[in-house]
Amino acid sequence: MKIGLLSDTHSYLHPKVFEHFKDCDEIWHAGDIGSEEVIDKLKAFKPTKAVNGNIDNHKIRSICPKDLRFNCQGVDVWITHIGGYPYKYTPAIREELDKNCPKLFICGHSHILKVMYDKNRDLLHMNPGAAGKYGIHKFITMLRFEIINGDIKNLELIELDKN
């Protein structure tokens, strides 16, 4: 399963998203979608899983949950928008991780791309940065990776100019 991962589009979908994710089986969006148009375009292009973020309105919140927890090719995945980072998770996230830890934890919100292994919890944390124009980030960033028989492989960073 090849996954295209993005977050924090804030109502903007760079045209190259479609080029970079053309070979993906699914697209996952970690919140702050910004507009229904963005989620509609992604869903028309590829099967899409998405969570809402703190800037998303009631319409997006009605179609995209706060959290998604699912199994993908033997990997327990949890996607939420605001989660923190290994060793600095938000209190509610930390509590849930202590009770029921996934293998792959994905969040957005910070606009800072980070992929970190949390050795204390034996999980991989991914934040794809920000795929929109608005925010503190200097470049649009996204991730692409594969899940094969319970393993996360072939992780790639995609970086685009904001202009």
N, C-alpha and C. Protein backbone atom coordinates (compact mmCIF):
# COMPACT_ATOMS: atom_id res chain seq x y z
N MET A 1 0.87 -1.18 0.00
CA MET A 1 0.00 0.00 0.00
C MET A 1 0.91 1.23 0.00
N LYS A 2 0.76 2.07 -1.00
CA LYS A 2 1.54 3.30 -1.10
C LYS A 2 0.67 4.46 -0.63
N ILE A 3 1.21 5.25 0.32
CA ILE A 3 0.46 6.31 0.97
C ILE A 3 1.08 7.67 0.65
N GLY A 4 0.22 8.64 0.35
CA GLY A 4 0.62 10.04 0.27
C GLY A 4 0.08 10.74 1.50
N LEU A 5 0.95 11.37 2.28
CA LEU A 5 0.56 11.98 3.55
C LEU A 5 0.79 13.48 3.52
N LEU A 6 -0.25 14.23 3.87
CA LEU A 6 -0.14 15.68 3.94
C LEU A 6 -0.97 16.21 5.10
N SER A 7 -0.75 17.47 5.40
CA SER A 7 -1.47 18.13 6.49
C SER A 7 -1.46 19.63 6.24
N ASP A 8 -2.31 20.33 6.97
CA ASP A 8 -2.29 21.79 7.01
C ASP A 8 -2.31 22.42 5.62
N THR A 9 -3.29 22.03 4.82
CA THR A 9 -3.45 22.64 3.50
C THR A 9 -4.08 24.03 3.60
N HIS A 10 -4.85 24.28 4.64
CA HIS A 10 -5.46 25.60 4.86
C HIS A 10 -6.12 26.15 3.60
N SER A 11 -6.95 25.34 2.96
CA SER A 11 -7.74 25.68 1.78
C SER A 11 -6.94 25.77 0.48
N TYR A 12 -5.67 25.38 0.50
CA TYR A 12 -4.86 25.44 -0.71
C TYR A 12 -4.32 24.05 -1.03
N LEU A 13 -4.52 23.61 -2.26
CA LEU A 13 -3.99 22.34 -2.71
C LEU A 13 -3.07 22.59 -3.90
N HIS A 14 -1.78 22.44 -3.66
CA HIS A 14 -0.79 22.66 -4.71
C HIS A 14 -1.05 21.68 -5.86
N PRO A 15 -1.01 22.17 -7.11
CA PRO A 15 -1.30 21.28 -8.24
C PRO A 15 -0.35 20.09 -8.33
N LYS A 16 0.85 20.20 -7.82
CA LYS A 16 1.81 19.09 -7.90
C LYS A 16 1.50 17.95 -6.93
N VAL A 17 0.55 18.18 -6.02
CA VAL A 17 0.11 17.08 -5.14
C VAL A 17 -0.33 15.90 -6.00
N PHE A 18 -1.07 16.18 -7.05
CA PHE A 18 -1.60 15.13 -7.91
C PHE A 18 -0.49 14.39 -8.65
N GLU A 19 0.52 15.09 -9.03
CA GLU A 19 1.68 14.47 -9.70
C GLU A 19 2.44 13.58 -8.72
N HIS A 20 2.73 14.10 -7.53
CA HIS A 20 3.52 13.36 -6.56
C HIS A 20 2.77 12.18 -5.95
N PHE A 21 1.45 12.24 -5.92
CA PHE A 21 0.66 11.17 -5.33
C PHE A 21 -0.03 10.28 -6.37
N LYS A 22 0.35 10.42 -7.64
CA LYS A 22 -0.34 9.68 -8.71
C LYS A 22 -0.21 8.17 -8.55
N ASP A 23 0.88 7.68 -7.99
CA ASP A 23 1.07 6.25 -7.82
C ASP A 23 0.66 5.75 -6.43
N CYS A 24 0.10 6.63 -5.63
CA CYS A 24 -0.34 6.24 -4.29
C CYS A 24 -1.68 5.51 -4.34
N ASP A 25 -1.85 4.60 -3.41
CA ASP A 25 -3.12 3.89 -3.29
C ASP A 25 -4.12 4.69 -2.48
N GLU A 26 -3.61 5.43 -1.48
CA GLU A 26 -4.46 6.26 -0.62
C GLU A 26 -3.74 7.55 -0.29
N ILE A 27 -4.54 8.57 0.05
CA ILE A 27 -4.03 9.82 0.58
C ILE A 27 -4.56 9.96 1.99
N TRP A 28 -3.67 10.34 2.91
CA TRP A 28 -4.06 10.60 4.30
C TRP A 28 -3.79 12.07 4.59
N HIS A 29 -4.76 12.74 5.19
CA HIS A 29 -4.64 14.17 5.52
C HIS A 29 -4.78 14.32 7.03
N ALA A 30 -3.78 14.94 7.66
CA ALA A 30 -3.73 15.05 9.12
C ALA A 30 -4.29 16.39 9.64
N GLY A 31 -5.32 16.91 8.99
CA GLY A 31 -6.07 18.04 9.54
C GLY A 31 -5.66 19.41 9.09
N ASP A 32 -6.50 20.40 9.47
CA ASP A 32 -6.44 21.77 8.96
C ASP A 32 -6.56 21.75 7.44
N ILE A 33 -7.65 21.14 7.01
CA ILE A 33 -7.96 21.02 5.59
C ILE A 33 -8.31 22.39 5.03
N GLY A 34 -9.17 23.10 5.72
CA GLY A 34 -9.47 24.48 5.37
C GLY A 34 -10.73 24.69 4.55
N SER A 35 -11.01 23.78 3.61
CA SER A 35 -12.22 23.95 2.79
C SER A 35 -12.69 22.59 2.29
N GLU A 36 -13.97 22.50 2.05
CA GLU A 36 -14.54 21.27 1.50
C GLU A 36 -13.97 20.99 0.11
N GLU A 37 -13.64 22.03 -0.63
CA GLU A 37 -13.10 21.87 -1.98
C GLU A 37 -11.82 21.03 -1.96
N VAL A 38 -10.96 21.26 -0.97
CA VAL A 38 -9.71 20.50 -0.87
C VAL A 38 -10.00 19.02 -0.66
N ILE A 39 -10.85 18.71 0.29
CA ILE A 39 -11.15 17.30 0.58
C ILE A 39 -11.89 16.66 -0.58
N ASP A 40 -12.76 17.39 -1.25
CA ASP A 40 -13.48 16.86 -2.42
C ASP A 40 -12.52 16.53 -3.56
N LYS A 41 -11.54 17.40 -3.81
CA LYS A 41 -10.56 17.15 -4.88
C LYS A 41 -9.70 15.93 -4.56
N LEU A 42 -9.29 15.81 -3.30
CA LEU A 42 -8.47 14.66 -2.92
C LEU A 42 -9.28 13.36 -3.06
N LYS A 43 -10.52 13.38 -2.59
CA LYS A 43 -11.35 12.17 -2.66
C LYS A 43 -11.70 11.79 -4.09
N ALA A 44 -11.83 12.78 -4.97
CA ALA A 44 -12.09 12.49 -6.38
C ALA A 44 -10.86 11.88 -7.05
N PHE A 45 -9.68 12.17 -6.53
CA PHE A 45 -8.43 11.71 -7.10
C PHE A 45 -8.05 10.31 -6.61
N LYS A 46 -8.10 10.10 -5.30
CA LYS A 46 -7.70 8.83 -4.68
C LYS A 46 -8.55 8.60 -3.44
N PRO A 47 -8.66 7.35 -3.00
CA PRO A 47 -9.29 7.12 -1.70
C PRO A 47 -8.54 7.93 -0.64
N THR A 48 -9.29 8.65 0.19
CA THR A 48 -8.69 9.60 1.13
C THR A 48 -9.24 9.38 2.53
N LYS A 49 -8.31 9.35 3.48
CA LYS A 49 -8.67 9.34 4.90
C LYS A 49 -8.21 10.69 5.45
N ALA A 50 -9.07 11.35 6.23
CA ALA A 50 -8.72 12.68 6.74
C ALA A 50 -9.34 12.92 8.10
N VAL A 51 -8.62 13.67 8.92
CA VAL A 51 -9.14 14.13 10.21
C VAL A 51 -9.30 15.64 10.14
N ASN A 52 -10.15 16.17 11.02
CA ASN A 52 -10.29 17.63 11.05
C ASN A 52 -9.21 18.24 11.94
N GLY A 53 -8.99 19.52 11.73
CA GLY A 53 -8.02 20.26 12.53
C GLY A 53 -8.67 21.46 13.19
N ASN A 54 -7.90 22.19 13.93
CA ASN A 54 -8.44 23.30 14.72
C ASN A 54 -8.99 24.46 13.89
N ILE A 55 -8.62 24.58 12.61
CA ILE A 55 -9.16 25.67 11.79
C ILE A 55 -10.37 25.23 10.97
N ASP A 56 -10.69 23.95 11.01
CA ASP A 56 -11.76 23.43 10.15
C ASP A 56 -13.14 23.76 10.69
N ASN A 57 -14.03 24.10 9.76
CA ASN A 57 -15.40 24.50 10.13
C ASN A 57 -16.29 23.29 10.41
N HIS A 58 -17.53 23.57 10.76
CA HIS A 58 -18.47 22.51 11.13
C HIS A 58 -18.75 21.55 9.98
N LYS A 59 -18.70 22.02 8.74
CA LYS A 59 -18.95 21.13 7.60
C LYS A 59 -17.84 20.09 7.47
N ILE A 60 -16.60 20.54 7.58
CA ILE A 60 -15.48 19.59 7.51
C ILE A 60 -15.51 18.67 8.72
N ARG A 61 -15.83 19.21 9.88
CA ARG A 61 -15.91 18.38 11.09
C ARG A 61 -17.00 17.32 10.98
N SER A 62 -18.04 17.60 10.19
CA SER A 62 -19.11 16.61 10.03
C SER A 62 -18.71 15.46 9.10
N ILE A 63 -17.72 15.67 8.24
CA ILE A 63 -17.30 14.60 7.33
C ILE A 63 -15.94 14.01 7.68
N CYS A 64 -15.15 14.72 8.49
CA CYS A 64 -13.82 14.24 8.89
C CYS A 64 -13.75 14.22 10.42
N PRO A 65 -13.51 13.06 11.02
CA PRO A 65 -13.49 12.98 12.48
C PRO A 65 -12.24 13.64 13.08
N LYS A 66 -12.24 13.78 14.38
CA LYS A 66 -11.07 14.32 15.11
C LYS A 66 -9.92 13.31 15.08
N ASP A 67 -10.23 12.04 15.19
CA ASP A 67 -9.24 10.96 15.22
C ASP A 67 -9.66 9.85 14.27
N LEU A 68 -8.67 9.23 13.67
CA LEU A 68 -8.89 8.01 12.89
C LEU A 68 -7.93 6.96 13.42
N ARG A 69 -8.46 5.79 13.70
CA ARG A 69 -7.63 4.66 14.15
C ARG A 69 -8.03 3.48 13.28
N PHE A 70 -7.07 2.88 12.60
CA PHE A 70 -7.37 1.80 11.67
C PHE A 70 -6.13 0.95 11.45
N ASN A 71 -6.34 -0.20 10.82
CA ASN A 71 -5.24 -1.09 10.48
C ASN A 71 -5.00 -1.01 8.98
N CYS A 72 -3.75 -0.84 8.61
CA CYS A 72 -3.37 -0.79 7.19
C CYS A 72 -2.25 -1.80 6.97
N GLN A 73 -2.55 -2.87 6.27
CA GLN A 73 -1.55 -3.88 5.93
C GLN A 73 -0.77 -4.37 7.16
N GLY A 74 -1.47 -4.54 8.27
CA GLY A 74 -0.83 -5.04 9.48
C GLY A 74 -0.22 -3.98 10.37
N VAL A 75 -0.41 -2.71 10.04
CA VAL A 75 0.10 -1.61 10.86
C VAL A 75 -1.07 -0.89 11.52
N ASP A 76 -1.03 -0.80 12.84
CA ASP A 76 -2.02 -0.06 13.61
C ASP A 76 -1.68 1.43 13.46
N VAL A 77 -2.59 2.21 12.87
CA VAL A 77 -2.35 3.62 12.56
C VAL A 77 -3.33 4.48 13.34
N TRP A 78 -2.82 5.58 13.88
CA TRP A 78 -3.67 6.59 14.53
C TRP A 78 -3.30 7.93 13.91
N ILE A 79 -4.31 8.63 13.36
CA ILE A 79 -4.13 9.97 12.80
C ILE A 79 -4.98 10.94 13.61
N THR A 80 -4.37 12.03 14.04
CA THR A 80 -5.07 13.12 14.70
C THR A 80 -4.37 14.42 14.29
N HIS A 81 -4.95 15.55 14.59
CA HIS A 81 -4.31 16.80 14.16
C HIS A 81 -3.29 17.31 15.17
N ILE A 82 -3.70 17.48 16.42
CA ILE A 82 -2.81 18.01 17.45
C ILE A 82 -2.40 16.86 18.36
N GLY A 83 -1.12 16.52 18.32
CA GLY A 83 -0.66 15.37 19.11
C GLY A 83 0.64 15.58 19.85
N GLY A 84 1.43 16.55 19.40
CA GLY A 84 2.76 16.71 20.00
C GLY A 84 3.76 15.78 19.34
N TYR A 85 4.87 15.56 20.02
CA TYR A 85 5.96 14.75 19.50
C TYR A 85 6.43 13.76 20.55
N PRO A 86 7.18 12.74 20.13
CA PRO A 86 7.73 11.83 21.12
C PRO A 86 8.42 12.60 22.25
N TYR A 87 8.12 12.18 23.44
CA TYR A 87 8.65 12.76 24.68
C TYR A 87 8.01 14.11 25.01
N LYS A 88 7.12 14.62 24.13
CA LYS A 88 6.38 15.87 24.38
C LYS A 88 4.98 15.78 23.79
N TYR A 89 4.32 14.65 23.98
CA TYR A 89 2.95 14.50 23.51
C TYR A 89 2.02 15.36 24.36
N THR A 90 0.89 15.75 23.78
CA THR A 90 -0.12 16.45 24.58
C THR A 90 -0.62 15.47 25.65
N PRO A 91 -1.09 15.98 26.79
CA PRO A 91 -1.50 15.08 27.88
C PRO A 91 -2.54 14.02 27.49
N ALA A 92 -3.57 14.40 26.76
CA ALA A 92 -4.60 13.43 26.36
C ALA A 92 -4.03 12.37 25.43
N ILE A 93 -3.16 12.76 24.52
CA ILE A 93 -2.53 11.82 23.60
C ILE A 93 -1.63 10.86 24.37
N ARG A 94 -0.82 11.41 25.26
CA ARG A 94 0.10 10.58 26.05
C ARG A 94 -0.68 9.53 26.84
N GLU A 95 -1.79 9.93 27.43
CA GLU A 95 -2.61 9.00 28.20
C GLU A 95 -3.13 7.86 27.33
N GLU A 96 -3.61 8.20 26.14
CA GLU A 96 -4.12 7.17 25.24
C GLU A 96 -2.99 6.28 24.72
N LEU A 97 -1.83 6.87 24.42
CA LEU A 97 -0.69 6.06 23.97
C LEU A 97 -0.26 5.08 25.05
N ASP A 98 -0.32 5.50 26.31
CA ASP A 98 0.05 4.61 27.41
C ASP A 98 -0.92 3.44 27.52
N LYS A 99 -2.18 3.65 27.14
CA LYS A 99 -3.19 2.59 27.23
C LYS A 99 -3.22 1.69 26.00
N ASN A 100 -3.07 2.31 24.82
CA ASN A 100 -3.29 1.57 23.58
C ASN A 100 -2.45 2.20 22.46
N CYS A 101 -1.22 1.82 22.40
CA CYS A 101 -0.25 2.46 21.50
C CYS A 101 -0.31 1.87 20.09
N PRO A 102 -0.39 2.73 19.05
CA PRO A 102 -0.33 2.23 17.67
C PRO A 102 1.13 2.00 17.26
N LYS A 103 1.32 1.48 16.08
CA LYS A 103 2.67 1.35 15.51
C LYS A 103 3.07 2.62 14.77
N LEU A 104 2.06 3.31 14.20
CA LEU A 104 2.30 4.55 13.46
C LEU A 104 1.36 5.63 13.98
N PHE A 105 1.94 6.72 14.48
CA PHE A 105 1.17 7.84 15.01
C PHE A 105 1.44 9.05 14.11
N ILE A 106 0.37 9.63 13.55
CA ILE A 106 0.49 10.74 12.61
C ILE A 106 -0.28 11.94 13.13
N CYS A 107 0.36 13.11 13.09
CA CYS A 107 -0.35 14.35 13.40
C CYS A 107 0.19 15.47 12.52
N GLY A 108 -0.44 16.61 12.61
CA GLY A 108 -0.04 17.80 11.87
C GLY A 108 0.12 18.95 12.83
N HIS A 109 -0.45 20.08 12.50
CA HIS A 109 -0.60 21.27 13.34
C HIS A 109 0.63 22.17 13.42
N SER A 110 1.80 21.64 13.60
CA SER A 110 2.99 22.48 13.86
C SER A 110 3.54 23.13 12.59
N HIS A 111 3.22 22.61 11.44
CA HIS A 111 3.79 23.04 10.15
C HIS A 111 5.27 22.68 10.05
N ILE A 112 5.74 21.82 10.94
CA ILE A 112 7.15 21.40 10.95
C ILE A 112 7.21 19.91 10.65
N LEU A 113 7.86 19.57 9.55
CA LEU A 113 8.00 18.17 9.18
C LEU A 113 8.93 17.47 10.17
N LYS A 114 8.45 16.38 10.74
CA LYS A 114 9.27 15.56 11.63
C LYS A 114 8.86 14.12 11.48
N VAL A 115 9.84 13.26 11.40
CA VAL A 115 9.61 11.83 11.47
C VAL A 115 10.56 11.33 12.55
N MET A 116 9.99 10.75 13.61
CA MET A 116 10.80 10.33 14.75
C MET A 116 10.34 8.96 15.22
N TYR A 117 11.30 8.17 15.66
CA TYR A 117 10.96 6.89 16.28
C TYR A 117 10.90 7.11 17.78
N ASP A 118 9.82 6.69 18.38
CA ASP A 118 9.64 6.76 19.83
C ASP A 118 9.99 5.39 20.39
N LYS A 119 11.23 5.26 20.87
CA LYS A 119 11.70 3.95 21.34
C LYS A 119 11.00 3.52 22.62
N ASN A 120 10.52 4.48 23.42
CA ASN A 120 9.81 4.13 24.65
C ASN A 120 8.48 3.45 24.37
N ARG A 121 7.88 3.78 23.24
CA ARG A 121 6.58 3.22 22.91
C ARG A 121 6.62 2.31 21.68
N ASP A 122 7.78 2.18 21.08
CA ASP A 122 7.95 1.36 19.88
C ASP A 122 6.96 1.78 18.80
N LEU A 123 6.95 3.09 18.52
CA LEU A 123 6.08 3.61 17.46
C LEU A 123 6.84 4.59 16.59
N LEU A 124 6.39 4.73 15.37
CA LEU A 124 6.93 5.73 14.47
C LEU A 124 5.97 6.91 14.45
N HIS A 125 6.52 8.09 14.68
CA HIS A 125 5.74 9.33 14.68
C HIS A 125 6.03 10.06 13.37
N MET A 126 4.97 10.50 12.69
CA MET A 126 5.14 11.28 11.45
C MET A 126 4.31 12.55 11.53
N ASN A 127 4.93 13.65 11.17
CA ASN A 127 4.22 14.91 10.93
C ASN A 127 4.72 15.38 9.56
N PRO A 128 3.83 15.45 8.56
CA PRO A 128 4.28 15.79 7.22
C PRO A 128 4.57 17.27 6.99
N GLY A 129 4.47 18.09 8.04
CA GLY A 129 4.67 19.53 7.86
C GLY A 129 3.40 20.17 7.32
N ALA A 130 3.54 21.12 6.44
CA ALA A 130 2.38 21.84 5.92
C ALA A 130 2.38 21.83 4.39
N ALA A 131 1.23 21.49 3.82
CA ALA A 131 1.10 21.42 2.36
C ALA A 131 0.39 22.65 1.79
N GLY A 132 0.06 23.61 2.63
CA GLY A 132 -0.59 24.82 2.16
C GLY A 132 0.37 26.00 2.08
N LYS A 133 -0.15 27.13 1.66
CA LYS A 133 0.65 28.36 1.52
C LYS A 133 0.79 29.13 2.82
N TYR A 134 -0.17 28.97 3.72
CA TYR A 134 -0.28 29.86 4.87
C TYR A 134 0.35 29.26 6.11
N GLY A 135 1.19 30.05 6.77
CA GLY A 135 1.83 29.61 8.00
C GLY A 135 3.30 29.95 8.02
N ILE A 136 3.96 29.47 9.05
CA ILE A 136 5.37 29.82 9.29
C ILE A 136 6.35 29.06 8.42
N HIS A 137 5.92 27.99 7.80
CA HIS A 137 6.82 27.14 7.02
C HIS A 137 7.33 27.88 5.78
N LYS A 138 8.56 27.53 5.37
CA LYS A 138 9.16 28.15 4.19
C LYS A 138 8.90 27.36 2.92
N PHE A 139 8.65 26.07 3.07
CA PHE A 139 8.38 25.20 1.93
C PHE A 139 7.14 24.36 2.22
N ILE A 140 6.47 23.96 1.17
CA ILE A 140 5.40 22.98 1.27
C ILE A 140 6.07 21.61 1.40
N THR A 141 5.62 20.84 2.39
CA THR A 141 6.20 19.50 2.57
C THR A 141 5.09 18.46 2.69
N MET A 142 5.41 17.28 2.20
CA MET A 142 4.51 16.12 2.25
C MET A 142 5.39 14.88 2.36
N LEU A 143 4.80 13.77 2.70
CA LEU A 143 5.51 12.51 2.77
C LEU A 143 4.84 11.47 1.89
N ARG A 144 5.64 10.55 1.43
CA ARG A 144 5.14 9.41 0.67
C ARG A 144 5.87 8.18 1.21
N PHE A 145 5.14 7.09 1.44
CA PHE A 145 5.76 5.89 1.99
C PHE A 145 4.91 4.68 1.64
N GLU A 146 5.44 3.52 1.94
CA GLU A 146 4.72 2.28 1.68
C GLU A 146 4.55 1.50 2.98
N ILE A 147 3.46 0.77 3.05
CA ILE A 147 3.26 -0.18 4.14
C ILE A 147 3.15 -1.54 3.47
N ILE A 148 4.11 -2.40 3.83
CA ILE A 148 4.21 -3.72 3.20
C ILE A 148 4.30 -4.77 4.31
N ASN A 149 3.31 -5.63 4.39
CA ASN A 149 3.32 -6.73 5.36
C ASN A 149 3.70 -6.29 6.77
N GLY A 150 3.09 -5.23 7.25
CA GLY A 150 3.32 -4.78 8.62
C GLY A 150 4.54 -3.90 8.81
N ASP A 151 5.23 -3.55 7.73
CA ASP A 151 6.42 -2.70 7.82
C ASP A 151 6.22 -1.40 7.05
N ILE A 152 6.76 -0.33 7.60
CA ILE A 152 6.72 0.98 6.95
C ILE A 152 8.04 1.15 6.21
N LYS A 153 7.97 1.34 4.91
CA LYS A 153 9.19 1.34 4.08
C LYS A 153 9.16 2.49 3.07
N ASN A 154 10.34 2.75 2.51
CA ASN A 154 10.50 3.66 1.37
C ASN A 154 9.92 5.05 1.63
N LEU A 155 10.21 5.60 2.79
CA LEU A 155 9.74 6.93 3.16
C LEU A 155 10.45 7.98 2.31
N GLU A 156 9.66 8.88 1.71
CA GLU A 156 10.20 9.95 0.87
C GLU A 156 9.63 11.29 1.29
N LEU A 157 10.48 12.30 1.31
CA LEU A 157 10.07 13.67 1.58
C LEU A 157 9.82 14.36 0.25
N ILE A 158 8.73 15.07 0.16
CA ILE A 158 8.41 15.90 -1.00
C ILE A 158 8.43 17.34 -0.53
N GLU A 159 9.21 18.17 -1.20
CA GLU A 159 9.33 19.58 -0.81
C GLU A 159 9.08 20.44 -2.05
N LEU A 160 8.18 21.41 -1.92
CA LEU A 160 7.82 22.30 -3.02
C LEU A 160 7.92 23.76 -2.56
N ASP A 161 8.16 24.65 -3.49
CA ASP A 161 8.11 26.09 -3.18
C ASP A 161 6.69 26.49 -2.85
N LYS A 162 6.54 27.46 -1.96
CA LYS A 162 5.21 27.95 -1.59
C LYS A 162 4.58 28.79 -2.68
N ASN A 163 5.37 29.29 -3.61
CA ASN A 163 4.83 30.15 -4.67
C ASN A 163 4.16 29.38 -5.77
